[in-house]
PDB file of N, CA and C in Angstrom:
ATOM      1  N   MET A   1      32.420  87.037 -50.992  1.00  0.00           N
ATOM      2  CA  MET A   1      31.038  88.108 -51.128  1.00  0.00           C
ATOM      3  C   MET A   1      29.984  87.686 -52.298  1.00  0.00           C
ATOM      4  N   ASN A   2      30.582  87.655 -53.083  1.00  0.00           N
ATOM      5  CA  ASN A   2      29.645  87.309 -54.555  1.00  0.00           C
ATOM      6  C   ASN A   2      28.689  86.161 -54.358  1.00  0.00           C
ATOM      7  N   THR A   3      29.058  85.371 -53.103  1.00  0.00           N
ATOM      8  CA  THR A   3      28.310  84.276 -52.811  1.00  0.00           C
ATOM      9  C   THR A   3      27.014  84.604 -51.801  1.00  0.00           C
ATOM     10  N   ILE A   4      27.459  85.477 -51.055  1.00  0.00           N
ATOM     11  CA  ILE A   4      26.537  86.489 -50.001  1.00  0.00           C
ATOM     12  C   ILE A   4      25.578  87.438 -50.970  1.00  0.00           C
ATOM     13  N   GLN A   5      26.060  88.120 -52.273  1.00  0.00           N
ATOM     14  CA  GLN A   5      25.447  88.808 -52.798  1.00  0.00           C
ATOM     15  C   GLN A   5      24.457  87.852 -53.546  1.00  0.00           C
ATOM     16  N   GLU A   6      24.546  86.881 -53.951  1.00  0.00           N
ATOM     17  CA  GLU A   6      23.793  86.372 -54.310  1.00  0.00           C
ATOM     18  C   GLU A   6      22.688  85.596 -54.285  1.00  0.00           C
ATOM     19  N   LEU A   7      23.030  85.093 -52.666  1.00  0.00           N
ATOM     20  CA  LEU A   7      21.993  84.529 -52.012  1.00  0.00           C
ATOM     21  C   LEU A   7      20.958  85.655 -51.817  1.00  0.00           C
ATOM     22  N   ILE A   8      21.799  86.716 -51.114  1.00  0.00           N
ATOM     23  CA  ILE A   8      20.398  87.978 -50.826  1.00  0.00           C
ATOM     24  C   ILE A   8      19.564  88.514 -51.873  1.00  0.00           C
ATOM     25  N   LYS A   9      20.290  88.537 -52.968  1.00  0.00           N
ATOM     26  CA  LYS A   9      19.902  88.904 -54.559  1.00  0.00           C
ATOM     27  C   LYS A   9      18.540  88.023 -54.391  1.00  0.00           C
ATOM     28  N   HIS A  10      18.873  86.455 -54.153  1.00  0.00           N
ATOM     29  CA  HIS A  10      17.460  85.392 -54.280  1.00  0.00           C
ATOM     30  C   HIS A  10      16.741  85.184 -53.091  1.00  0.00           C
ATOM     31  N   GLN A  11      16.588  86.355 -51.907  1.00  0.00           N
ATOM     32  CA  GLN A  11      16.068  86.444 -50.881  1.00  0.00           C
ATOM     33  C   GLN A  11      16.191  85.086 -49.878  1.00  0.00           C
ATOM     34  N   ILE A  12      17.772  84.747 -49.821  1.00  0.00           N
ATOM     35  CA  ILE A  12      17.788  83.574 -49.210  1.00  0.00           C
ATOM     36  C   ILE A  12      18.837  84.402 -47.942  1.00  0.00           C
ATOM     37  N   PRO A  13      18.012  83.657 -46.878  1.00  0.00           N
ATOM     38  CA  PRO A  13      18.477  84.545 -45.374  1.00  0.00           C
ATOM     39  C   PRO A  13      20.113  83.991 -45.220  1.00  0.00           C
ATOM     40  N   VAL A  14      20.964  84.824 -45.362  1.00  0.00           N
ATOM     41  CA  VAL A  14      22.534  84.884 -44.783  1.00  0.00           C
ATOM     42  C   VAL A  14      22.873  85.171 -43.642  1.00  0.00           C
ATOM     43  N   SER A  15      23.962  84.694 -42.993  1.00  0.00           N
ATOM     44  CA  SER A  15      24.294  84.876 -41.934  1.00  0.00           C
ATOM     45  C   SER A  15      25.759  84.503 -41.674  1.00  0.00           C
ATOM     46  N   VAL A  16      26.289  85.156 -40.867  1.00  0.00           N
ATOM     47  CA  VAL A  16      28.175  84.868 -41.268  1.00  0.00           C
ATOM     48  C   VAL A  16      28.693  84.623 -39.736  1.00  0.00           C
ATOM     49  N   VAL A  17      29.380  83.900 -39.602  1.00  0.00           N
ATOM     50  CA  VAL A  17      30.194  83.102 -38.423  1.00  0.00           C
ATOM     51  C   VAL A  17      31.914  83.896 -38.520  1.00  0.00           C
ATOM     52  N   THR A  18      32.426  84.562 -37.703  1.00  0.00           N
ATOM     53  CA  THR A  18      33.519  84.804 -37.544  1.00  0.00           C
ATOM     54  C   THR A  18      34.394  84.089 -36.493  1.00  0.00           C
ATOM     55  N   ALA A  19      35.465  83.069 -36.877  1.00  0.00           N
ATOM     56  CA  ALA A  19      36.299  82.907 -35.898  1.00  0.00           C
ATOM     57  C   ALA A  19      37.360  83.686 -35.298  1.00  0.00           C
ATOM     58  N   VAL A  20      37.443  84.248 -34.183  1.00  0.00           N
ATOM     59  CA  VAL A  20      38.653  85.898 -34.371  1.00  0.00           C
ATOM     60  C   VAL A  20      39.917  85.208 -33.369  1.00  0.00           C
ATOM     61  N   GLY A  21      40.931  85.662 -34.138  1.00  0.00           N
ATOM     62  CA  GLY A  21      42.206  84.903 -33.848  1.00  0.00           C
ATOM     63  C   GLY A  21      43.241  86.286 -33.755  1.00  0.00           C
ATOM     64  N   LYS A  22      43.913  86.076 -33.160  1.00  0.00           N
ATOM     65  CA  LYS A  22      45.562  86.873 -33.548  1.00  0.00           C
ATOM     66  C   LYS A  22      45.291  87.432 -35.275  1.00  0.00           C
ATOM     67  N   TYR A  23      45.174  86.717 -36.134  1.00  0.00           N
ATOM     68  CA  TYR A  23      45.435  87.112 -37.049  1.00  0.00           C
ATOM     69  C   TYR A  23      44.467  87.940 -38.033  1.00  0.00           C
ATOM     70  N   ASN A  24      43.126  87.987 -37.552  1.00  0.00           N
ATOM     71  CA  ASN A  24      41.928  88.605 -37.902  1.00  0.00           C
ATOM     72  C   ASN A  24      41.071  89.703 -36.800  1.00  0.00           C
ATOM     73  N   ILE A  25      41.808  90.046 -35.914  1.00  0.00           N
ATOM     74  CA  ILE A  25      41.077  90.698 -35.115  1.00  0.00           C
ATOM     75  C   ILE A  25      41.069  92.135 -35.783  1.00  0.00           C
ATOM     76  N   ALA A  26      42.289  92.328 -35.986  1.00  0.00           N
ATOM     77  CA  ALA A  26      42.014  93.724 -36.623  1.00  0.00           C
ATOM     78  C   ALA A  26      41.322  93.644 -37.732  1.00  0.00           C
ATOM     79  N   ASP A  27      40.574  93.010 -38.145  1.00  0.00           N
ATOM     80  CA  ASP A  27      39.478  93.293 -39.227  1.00  0.00           C
ATOM     81  C   ASP A  27      38.207  93.247 -39.066  1.00  0.00           C
ATOM     82  N   LEU A  28      37.736  93.486 -37.683  1.00  0.00           N
ATOM     83  CA  LEU A  28      36.736  93.146 -37.284  1.00  0.00           C
ATOM     84  C   LEU A  28      35.824  94.207 -37.969  1.00  0.00           C
ATOM     85  N   LYS A  29      35.949  95.495 -37.449  1.00  0.00           N
ATOM     86  CA  LYS A  29      35.585  96.509 -38.137  1.00  0.00           C
ATOM     87  C   LYS A  29      35.135  96.534 -39.915  1.00  0.00           C
ATOM     88  N   ARG A  30      36.480  96.267 -40.647  1.00  0.00           N
ATOM     89  CA  ARG A  30      35.992  96.205 -41.731  1.00  0.00           C
ATOM     90  C   ARG A  30      34.965  94.987 -42.150  1.00  0.00           C
ATOM     91  N   ILE A  31      35.245  93.547 -41.451  1.00  0.00           N
ATOM     92  CA  ILE A  31      33.758  93.067 -41.711  1.00  0.00           C
ATOM     93  C   ILE A  31      32.886  93.075 -41.067  1.00  0.00           C
ATOM     94  N   GLU A  32      32.441  93.890 -40.078  1.00  0.00           N
ATOM     95  CA  GLU A  32      31.591  94.524 -39.830  1.00  0.00           C
ATOM     96  C   GLU A  32      30.698  95.303 -41.024  1.00  0.00           C
ATOM     97  N   LEU A  33      31.682  96.205 -41.575  1.00  0.00           N
ATOM     98  CA  LEU A  33      31.232  97.102 -42.418  1.00  0.00           C
ATOM     99  C   LEU A  33      30.682  96.693 -43.731  1.00  0.00           C
ATOM    100  N   ASP A  34      31.406  95.444 -44.179  1.00  0.00           N
ATOM    101  CA  ASP A  34      30.819  94.372 -45.259  1.00  0.00           C
ATOM    102  C   ASP A  34      29.905  94.073 -44.503  1.00  0.00           C
ATOM    103  N   ILE A  35      29.511  93.252 -43.699  1.00  0.00           N
ATOM    104  CA  ILE A  35      28.196  92.613 -43.261  1.00  0.00           C
ATOM    105  C   ILE A  35      26.987  93.605 -43.413  1.00  0.00           C
ATOM    106  N   LEU A  36      27.287  94.887 -42.905  1.00  0.00           N
ATOM    107  CA  LEU A  36      26.141  95.942 -42.943  1.00  0.00           C
ATOM    108  C   LEU A  36      26.133  96.272 -44.351  1.00  0.00           C
ATOM    109  N   HIS A  37      26.956  96.514 -45.257  1.00  0.00           N
ATOM    110  CA  HIS A  37      26.786  97.094 -46.803  1.00  0.00           C
ATOM    111  C   HIS A  37      26.099  95.848 -47.164  1.00  0.00           C
ATOM    112  N   TYR A  38      26.268  94.447 -47.160  1.00  0.00           N
ATOM    113  CA  TYR A  38      25.401  93.645 -48.208  1.00  0.00           C
ATOM    114  C   TYR A  38      24.619  92.874 -47.813  1.00  0.00           C
ATOM    115  N   GLY A  39      24.080  93.708 -46.425  1.00  0.00           N
ATOM    116  CA  GLY A  39      22.223  93.478 -45.858  1.00  0.00           C
ATOM    117  C   GLY A  39      22.710  91.594 -44.883  1.00  0.00           C
ATOM    118  N   VAL A  40      23.730  91.299 -44.564  1.00  0.00           N
ATOM    119  CA  VAL A  40      23.535  90.494 -43.920  1.00  0.00           C
ATOM    120  C   VAL A  40      22.822  89.838 -42.468  1.00  0.00           C
ATOM    121  N   GLY A  41      22.357  89.132 -42.710  1.00  0.00           N
ATOM    122  CA  GLY A  41      20.854  88.994 -41.369  1.00  0.00           C
ATOM    123  C   GLY A  41      21.558  88.483 -39.966  1.00  0.00           C
ATOM    124  N   GLY A  42      22.367  88.084 -40.154  1.00  0.00           N
ATOM    125  CA  GLY A  42      23.316  88.126 -38.821  1.00  0.00           C
ATOM    126  C   GLY A  42      24.815  87.625 -38.743  1.00  0.00           C
ATOM    127  N   TRP A  43      25.172  88.084 -37.602  1.00  0.00           N
ATOM    128  CA  TRP A  43      26.573  88.234 -37.567  1.00  0.00           C
ATOM    129  C   TRP A  43      27.178  87.385 -35.975  1.00  0.00           C
ATOM    130  N   GLN A  44      27.796  86.061 -36.107  1.00  0.00           N
ATOM    131  CA  GLN A  44      28.306  85.393 -35.042  1.00  0.00           C
ATOM    132  C   GLN A  44      29.618  85.532 -35.305  1.00  0.00           C
ATOM    133  N   ILE A  45      30.071  86.159 -33.640  1.00  0.00           N
ATOM    134  CA  ILE A  45      31.698  86.370 -32.910  1.00  0.00           C
ATOM    135  C   ILE A  45      32.071  85.274 -32.309  1.00  0.00           C
ATOM    136  N   GLN A  46      32.904  84.531 -32.448  1.00  0.00           N
ATOM    137  CA  GLN A  46      33.377  83.282 -31.547  1.00  0.00           C
ATOM    138  C   GLN A  46      34.954  83.531 -31.606  1.00  0.00           C
ATOM    139  N   LEU A  47      35.343  83.281 -30.152  1.00  0.00           N
ATOM    140  CA  LEU A  47      36.611  83.249 -30.261  1.00  0.00           C
ATOM    141  C   LEU A  47      37.542  82.250 -30.293  1.00  0.00           C
ATOM    142  N   THR A  48      38.713  82.252 -31.191  1.00  0.00           N
ATOM    143  CA  THR A  48      39.284  80.712 -31.422  1.00  0.00           C
ATOM    144  C   THR A  48      39.624  80.188 -29.364  1.00  0.00           C
ATOM    145  N   ILE A  49      39.817  79.052 -29.613  1.00  0.00           N
ATOM    146  CA  ILE A  49      40.252  77.968 -28.386  1.00  0.00           C
ATOM    147  C   ILE A  49      41.584  77.394 -28.571  1.00  0.00           C
ATOM    148  N   PRO A  50      42.255  76.915 -28.077  1.00  0.00           N
ATOM    149  CA  PRO A  50      43.357  75.890 -28.179  1.00  0.00           C
ATOM    150  C   PRO A  50      42.806  74.661 -28.307  1.00  0.00           C
ATOM    151  N   GLU A  51      41.753  73.973 -28.901  1.00  0.00           N
ATOM    152  CA  GLU A  51      41.830  72.751 -28.966  1.00  0.00           C
ATOM    153  C   GLU A  51      41.309  72.489 -30.463  1.00  0.00           C
ATOM    154  N   GLY A  52      42.069  70.719 -30.265  1.00  0.00           N
ATOM    155  CA  GLY A  52      41.694  70.583 -31.721  1.00  0.00           C
ATOM    156  C   GLY A  52      43.012  70.474 -32.881  1.00  0.00           C
ATOM    157  N   ARG A  53      42.819  71.200 -33.814  1.00  0.00           N
ATOM    158  CA  ARG A  53      44.181  71.319 -34.645  1.00  0.00           C
ATOM    159  C   ARG A  53      44.421  73.018 -34.789  1.00  0.00           C
ATOM    160  N   MET A  54      43.479  73.820 -33.986  1.00  0.00           N
ATOM    161  CA  MET A  54      43.835  75.162 -33.778  1.00  0.00           C
ATOM    162  C   MET A  54      45.364  75.485 -33.337  1.00  0.00           C
ATOM    163  N   ASP A  55      45.704  76.150 -34.409  1.00  0.00           N
ATOM    164  CA  ASP A  55      47.155  76.389 -33.628  1.00  0.00           C
ATOM    165  C   ASP A  55      47.345  77.378 -32.277  1.00  0.00           C
ATOM    166  N   PRO A  56      47.873  77.112 -30.925  1.00  0.00           N
ATOM    167  CA  PRO A  56      47.496  77.546 -30.040  1.00  0.00           C
ATOM    168  C   PRO A  56      48.234  79.584 -30.071  1.00  0.00           C
ATOM    169  N   LEU A  57      49.011  79.547 -31.195  1.00  0.00           N
ATOM    170  CA  LEU A  57      49.986  80.943 -31.483  1.00  0.00           C
ATOM    171  C   LEU A  57      48.520  81.700 -31.909  1.00  0.00           C
ATOM    172  N   ILE A  58      47.510  81.194 -32.670  1.00  0.00           N
ATOM    173  CA  ILE A  58      46.654  82.074 -33.464  1.00  0.00           C
ATOM    174  C   ILE A  58      45.501  82.721 -31.798  1.00  0.00           C
ATOM    175  N   VAL A  59      45.473  81.836 -31.128  1.00  0.00           N
ATOM    176  CA  VAL A  59      44.475  81.983 -29.855  1.00  0.00           C
ATOM    177  C   VAL A  59      44.711  83.469 -28.880  1.00  0.00           C
ATOM    178  N   LEU A  60      43.687  84.393 -28.821  1.00  0.00           N
ATOM    179  CA  LEU A  60      43.755  85.400 -28.312  1.00  0.00           C
ATOM    180  C   LEU A  60      44.141  85.410 -26.571  1.00  0.00           C
ATOM    181  N   ASN A  61      44.630  86.173 -25.873  1.00  0.00           N
ATOM    182  CA  ASN A  61      44.841  86.089 -24.811  1.00  0.00           C
ATOM    183  C   ASN A  61      44.125  87.224 -23.937  1.00  0.00           C
ATOM    184  N   GLN A  62      43.920  87.296 -23.003  1.00  0.00           N
ATOM    185  CA  GLN A  62      43.117  87.614 -22.230  1.00  0.00           C
ATOM    186  C   GLN A  62      43.042  89.747 -22.079  1.00  0.00           C
ATOM    187  N   ARG A  63      44.520  90.086 -22.466  1.00  0.00           N
ATOM    188  CA  ARG A  63      44.734  91.348 -23.063  1.00  0.00           C
ATOM    189  C   ARG A  63      44.486  91.625 -24.308  1.00  0.00           C
ATOM    190  N   GLN A  64      44.223  90.842 -25.046  1.00  0.00           N
ATOM    191  CA  GLN A  64      44.455  91.500 -26.828  1.00  0.00           C
ATOM    192  C   GLN A  64      42.463  91.177 -26.888  1.00  0.00           C
ATOM    193  N   LEU A  65      41.794  90.507 -26.167  1.00  0.00           N
ATOM    194  CA  LEU A  65      40.140  90.521 -26.547  1.00  0.00           C
ATOM    195  C   LEU A  65      39.781  92.161 -26.801  1.00  0.00           C
ATOM    196  N   PRO A  66      39.079  92.347 -28.083  1.00  0.00           N
ATOM    197  CA  PRO A  66      38.651  93.736 -28.094  1.00  0.00           C
ATOM    198  C   PRO A  66      37.831  94.423 -27.068  1.00  0.00           C
ATOM    199  N   THR A  67      37.978  95.319 -27.243  1.00  0.00           N
ATOM    200  CA  THR A  67      37.437  96.441 -26.329  1.00  0.00           C
ATOM    201  C   THR A  67      36.220  97.885 -26.840  1.00  0.00           C
ATOM    202  N   THR A  68      36.266  97.652 -28.343  1.00  0.00           N
ATOM    203  CA  THR A  68      35.521  98.668 -29.070  1.00  0.00           C
ATOM    204  C   THR A  68      34.384  97.696 -29.350  1.00  0.00           C
ATOM    205  N   ASN A  69      33.226  98.744 -30.022  1.00  0.00           N
ATOM    206  CA  ASN A  69      31.983  98.279 -29.833  1.00  0.00           C
ATOM    207  C   ASN A  69      31.940  97.687 -31.460  1.00  0.00           C
ATOM    208  N   VAL A  70      31.131  96.615 -31.071  1.00  0.00           N
ATOM    209  CA  VAL A  70      30.571  96.177 -33.147  1.00  0.00           C
ATOM    210  C   VAL A  70      29.157  96.074 -32.970  1.00  0.00           C
ATOM    211  N   VAL A  71      28.636  95.840 -34.209  1.00  0.00           N
ATOM    212  CA  VAL A  71      27.306  95.772 -34.318  1.00  0.00           C
ATOM    213  C   VAL A  71      26.820  94.502 -33.321  1.00  0.00           C
ATOM    214  N   GLY A  72      25.549  94.896 -32.592  1.00  0.00           N
ATOM    215  CA  GLY A  72      25.105  93.738 -31.145  1.00  0.00           C
ATOM    216  C   GLY A  72      25.714  93.433 -30.155  1.00  0.00           C
ATOM    217  N   LEU A  73      26.701  94.373 -29.470  1.00  0.00           N
ATOM    218  CA  LEU A  73      27.548  94.378 -28.588  1.00  0.00           C
ATOM    219  C   LEU A  73      27.099  95.402 -27.640  1.00  0.00           C
TER     220      LEU A  73
END
């Protein structure tokens, strides 16, 4: 977060990309609050997919997809 704060302090636009999987799905609300707190201009949320070197055990199945509201959805 120090880098984000420094960039915003110098009026450099900041966006955040979050790849969502089993290990961080529960953190989305905290991430949203941090993004709002620091004044980040954009947040892109991507689902992990079992391609390349991605561990298939990290990928969410359809029943695990979030049903709560986050900013912009």
